[in-house]
């Protein structure tokens, strides 16, 4: 039986371990991911608590979309997260 057939499914070849897609994320990835989610949430909370006076008064209700956009950027990063 060929060597590739005898390998267990959990074993990886050395070339698979060095492939770019199989390496864990950089150290900064997880803090940035969670940071974006938290900043987006805080943006929306501050907007509601201050009744639109903060963070950007000129943006008005668009502050909600800005907060969601920041949070969604963090959530999209979760699709690329590898440990």
N, C-alpha and C. Protein backbone atom coordinates (compact mmCIF):
# COMPACT_ATOMS: atom_id res chain seq x y z
N UNK A 1 0.84 -1.17 0.00
CA UNK A 1 0.00 0.00 0.00
C UNK A 1 0.89 1.24 0.00
N UNK A 2 0.59 2.23 -0.84
CA UNK A 2 1.42 3.44 -0.89
C UNK A 2 1.42 4.17 0.45
N UNK A 3 2.50 4.94 0.66
CA UNK A 3 2.67 5.64 1.93
C UNK A 3 1.52 6.63 2.19
N UNK A 4 1.05 7.30 1.14
CA UNK A 4 -0.01 8.29 1.31
C UNK A 4 -1.31 7.64 1.78
N UNK A 5 -1.53 6.38 1.39
CA UNK A 5 -2.75 5.68 1.81
C UNK A 5 -2.66 5.23 3.27
N UNK A 6 -1.44 4.99 3.75
CA UNK A 6 -1.26 4.52 5.13
C UNK A 6 -1.30 5.64 6.14
N UNK A 7 -1.13 6.86 5.73
CA UNK A 7 -1.14 7.98 6.68
C UNK A 7 -2.51 8.13 7.32
N UNK A 8 -2.47 8.50 8.55
CA UNK A 8 -3.73 8.80 9.21
C UNK A 8 -4.25 10.11 8.68
N UNK A 9 -5.56 10.30 8.80
CA UNK A 9 -6.16 11.54 8.30
C UNK A 9 -5.69 12.75 9.08
N UNK A 10 -5.32 12.59 10.33
CA UNK A 10 -4.90 13.72 11.15
C UNK A 10 -3.45 14.11 10.90
N UNK A 11 -2.66 13.22 10.31
CA UNK A 11 -1.27 13.54 10.02
C UNK A 11 -1.19 14.47 8.82
N UNK A 12 -0.24 15.37 8.88
CA UNK A 12 -0.03 16.29 7.76
C UNK A 12 1.39 16.12 7.23
N UNK A 13 1.52 16.31 5.96
CA UNK A 13 2.83 16.25 5.34
C UNK A 13 3.57 17.54 5.66
N UNK A 14 4.91 17.51 5.67
CA UNK A 14 5.68 18.73 5.96
C UNK A 14 5.35 19.89 5.02
N UNK A 15 5.09 19.61 3.75
CA UNK A 15 4.76 20.70 2.82
C UNK A 15 3.39 21.30 3.12
N UNK A 16 2.49 20.52 3.74
CA UNK A 16 1.18 21.06 4.12
C UNK A 16 1.31 22.00 5.32
N UNK A 17 2.26 21.70 6.20
CA UNK A 17 2.44 22.54 7.38
C UNK A 17 3.04 23.89 7.04
N UNK A 18 3.82 23.95 5.99
CA UNK A 18 4.46 25.21 5.62
C UNK A 18 3.63 26.00 4.62
N UNK A 19 2.55 25.43 4.11
CA UNK A 19 1.72 26.16 3.16
C UNK A 19 1.10 27.37 3.85
N UNK A 20 0.98 28.46 3.10
CA UNK A 20 0.50 29.71 3.67
C UNK A 20 -0.90 29.57 4.28
N UNK A 21 -1.77 28.80 3.69
CA UNK A 21 -3.13 28.67 4.16
C UNK A 21 -3.28 27.89 5.45
N UNK A 22 -2.29 27.13 5.85
CA UNK A 22 -2.39 26.30 7.04
C UNK A 22 -1.70 26.90 8.26
N UNK A 23 -1.06 28.04 8.12
CA UNK A 23 -0.35 28.63 9.24
C UNK A 23 -1.32 29.42 10.10
N UNK A 24 -1.05 29.50 11.41
CA UNK A 24 -1.91 30.30 12.27
C UNK A 24 -1.78 31.79 11.95
N UNK A 25 -2.76 32.57 12.41
CA UNK A 25 -2.75 34.01 12.16
C UNK A 25 -1.63 34.69 12.91
N UNK A 26 -1.35 35.91 12.48
CA UNK A 26 -0.35 36.73 13.17
C UNK A 26 -0.83 37.07 14.57
N UNK A 27 0.09 37.48 15.40
CA UNK A 27 -0.23 37.79 16.80
C UNK A 27 -1.24 38.92 16.91
N UNK A 28 -1.19 39.89 16.00
CA UNK A 28 -2.06 41.06 16.07
C UNK A 28 -3.48 40.77 15.62
N UNK A 29 -3.72 39.64 14.96
CA UNK A 29 -5.02 39.39 14.32
C UNK A 29 -6.17 39.33 15.32
N UNK A 30 -6.01 38.53 16.36
CA UNK A 30 -7.10 38.36 17.32
C UNK A 30 -7.42 39.64 18.08
N UNK A 31 -6.43 40.41 18.59
CA UNK A 31 -6.78 41.67 19.26
C UNK A 31 -7.47 42.67 18.34
N UNK A 32 -7.05 42.74 17.08
CA UNK A 32 -7.70 43.65 16.15
C UNK A 32 -9.14 43.20 15.88
N UNK A 33 -9.33 41.91 15.71
CA UNK A 33 -10.66 41.37 15.43
C UNK A 33 -11.62 41.70 16.57
N UNK A 34 -11.23 41.35 17.81
CA UNK A 34 -12.09 41.64 18.95
C UNK A 34 -12.20 43.13 19.21
N UNK A 35 -11.13 43.86 18.96
CA UNK A 35 -11.15 45.31 19.14
C UNK A 35 -12.16 45.98 18.24
N UNK A 36 -12.22 45.58 16.98
CA UNK A 36 -13.19 46.16 16.06
C UNK A 36 -14.62 45.86 16.49
N UNK A 37 -14.86 44.65 16.95
CA UNK A 37 -16.20 44.31 17.41
C UNK A 37 -16.60 45.15 18.62
N UNK A 38 -15.68 45.32 19.55
CA UNK A 38 -15.97 46.10 20.76
C UNK A 38 -16.12 47.58 20.45
N UNK A 39 -15.24 48.12 19.61
CA UNK A 39 -15.32 49.54 19.25
C UNK A 39 -16.64 49.84 18.53
N UNK A 40 -17.06 48.95 17.64
CA UNK A 40 -18.34 49.15 16.96
C UNK A 40 -19.50 49.15 17.93
N UNK A 41 -19.49 48.23 18.88
CA UNK A 41 -20.54 48.19 19.89
C UNK A 41 -20.52 49.44 20.75
N UNK A 42 -19.34 49.85 21.19
CA UNK A 42 -19.24 51.06 22.01
C UNK A 42 -19.67 52.31 21.24
N UNK A 43 -19.39 52.36 19.95
CA UNK A 43 -19.79 53.49 19.11
C UNK A 43 -21.32 53.64 19.16
N UNK A 44 -22.02 52.52 18.99
CA UNK A 44 -23.49 52.55 19.00
C UNK A 44 -24.01 52.91 20.39
N UNK A 45 -23.41 52.34 21.43
CA UNK A 45 -23.85 52.63 22.80
C UNK A 45 -23.66 54.10 23.13
N UNK A 46 -22.51 54.66 22.79
CA UNK A 46 -22.24 56.08 23.05
C UNK A 46 -23.25 56.95 22.29
N UNK A 47 -23.56 56.58 21.07
CA UNK A 47 -24.53 57.35 20.28
C UNK A 47 -25.89 57.38 20.98
N UNK A 48 -26.33 56.23 21.48
CA UNK A 48 -27.62 56.18 22.15
C UNK A 48 -27.61 56.89 23.50
N UNK A 49 -26.56 56.69 24.28
CA UNK A 49 -26.50 57.30 25.62
C UNK A 49 -26.45 58.82 25.53
N UNK A 50 -25.70 59.35 24.58
CA UNK A 50 -25.56 60.81 24.46
C UNK A 50 -26.66 61.41 23.58
N UNK A 51 -27.60 60.63 23.15
CA UNK A 51 -28.72 61.07 22.30
C UNK A 51 -28.24 61.79 21.04
N UNK A 52 -27.20 61.26 20.45
CA UNK A 52 -26.70 61.76 19.17
C UNK A 52 -25.65 62.86 19.27
N UNK A 53 -25.29 63.28 20.49
CA UNK A 53 -24.28 64.34 20.63
C UNK A 53 -22.87 63.83 20.37
N UNK A 54 -22.63 62.56 20.56
CA UNK A 54 -21.34 61.93 20.33
C UNK A 54 -21.56 60.68 19.52
N UNK A 55 -20.68 60.06 18.87
CA UNK A 55 -19.31 60.41 18.56
C UNK A 55 -19.19 61.40 17.41
N UNK A 56 -20.09 61.39 16.43
CA UNK A 56 -20.05 62.37 15.33
C UNK A 56 -21.44 63.01 15.22
N UNK A 57 -21.63 64.18 15.83
CA UNK A 57 -22.95 64.80 15.79
C UNK A 57 -23.44 65.10 14.37
N UNK A 58 -22.54 65.45 13.46
CA UNK A 58 -22.93 65.79 12.09
C UNK A 58 -23.45 64.57 11.32
N UNK A 59 -23.04 63.37 11.73
CA UNK A 59 -23.46 62.16 11.03
C UNK A 59 -24.89 61.77 11.37
N UNK A 60 -25.41 62.25 12.48
CA UNK A 60 -26.78 61.93 12.86
C UNK A 60 -26.98 60.43 13.03
N UNK A 61 -28.04 59.92 12.43
CA UNK A 61 -28.37 58.49 12.56
C UNK A 61 -27.38 57.58 11.82
N UNK A 62 -26.56 58.17 10.98
CA UNK A 62 -25.54 57.38 10.29
C UNK A 62 -24.52 56.81 11.28
N UNK A 63 -24.48 57.36 12.49
CA UNK A 63 -23.59 56.81 13.51
C UNK A 63 -23.89 55.35 13.78
N UNK A 64 -25.15 54.97 13.68
CA UNK A 64 -25.52 53.56 13.88
C UNK A 64 -24.88 52.70 12.79
N UNK A 65 -24.95 53.17 11.54
CA UNK A 65 -24.36 52.42 10.44
C UNK A 65 -22.83 52.36 10.56
N UNK A 66 -22.24 53.46 11.02
CA UNK A 66 -20.79 53.47 11.22
C UNK A 66 -20.40 52.44 12.27
N UNK A 67 -21.13 52.41 13.39
CA UNK A 67 -20.86 51.44 14.45
C UNK A 67 -21.03 50.01 13.97
N UNK A 68 -22.11 49.75 13.23
CA UNK A 68 -22.32 48.41 12.70
C UNK A 68 -21.24 48.06 11.68
N UNK A 69 -20.83 49.01 10.88
CA UNK A 69 -19.77 48.75 9.89
C UNK A 69 -18.46 48.35 10.55
N UNK A 70 -18.11 49.04 11.62
CA UNK A 70 -16.88 48.70 12.35
C UNK A 70 -17.01 47.31 12.97
N UNK A 71 -18.15 47.03 13.58
CA UNK A 71 -18.36 45.71 14.20
C UNK A 71 -18.38 44.60 13.16
N UNK A 72 -19.00 44.85 12.02
CA UNK A 72 -19.07 43.83 10.96
C UNK A 72 -17.68 43.54 10.42
N UNK A 73 -16.82 44.56 10.34
CA UNK A 73 -15.44 44.32 9.90
C UNK A 73 -14.76 43.32 10.84
N UNK A 74 -15.01 43.46 12.14
CA UNK A 74 -14.46 42.50 13.11
C UNK A 74 -15.05 41.11 12.93
N UNK A 75 -16.37 41.05 12.70
CA UNK A 75 -17.01 39.75 12.50
C UNK A 75 -16.54 39.09 11.21
N UNK A 76 -16.29 39.87 10.18
CA UNK A 76 -15.77 39.28 8.93
C UNK A 76 -14.37 38.70 9.13
N UNK A 77 -13.62 39.30 10.04
CA UNK A 77 -12.28 38.77 10.31
C UNK A 77 -12.35 37.37 10.94
N UNK A 78 -13.47 37.04 11.59
CA UNK A 78 -13.59 35.72 12.21
C UNK A 78 -13.59 34.61 11.17
N UNK A 79 -13.95 34.92 9.93
CA UNK A 79 -13.95 33.89 8.88
C UNK A 79 -12.53 33.49 8.48
N UNK A 80 -11.54 34.32 8.80
CA UNK A 80 -10.14 34.04 8.48
C UNK A 80 -9.32 33.62 9.70
N UNK A 81 -9.97 33.47 10.84
CA UNK A 81 -9.26 33.19 12.09
C UNK A 81 -8.85 31.72 12.14
N UNK A 82 -7.57 31.49 12.35
CA UNK A 82 -7.03 30.14 12.54
C UNK A 82 -6.20 30.16 13.80
N UNK A 83 -6.32 29.12 14.62
CA UNK A 83 -5.52 29.09 15.84
C UNK A 83 -4.29 28.23 15.70
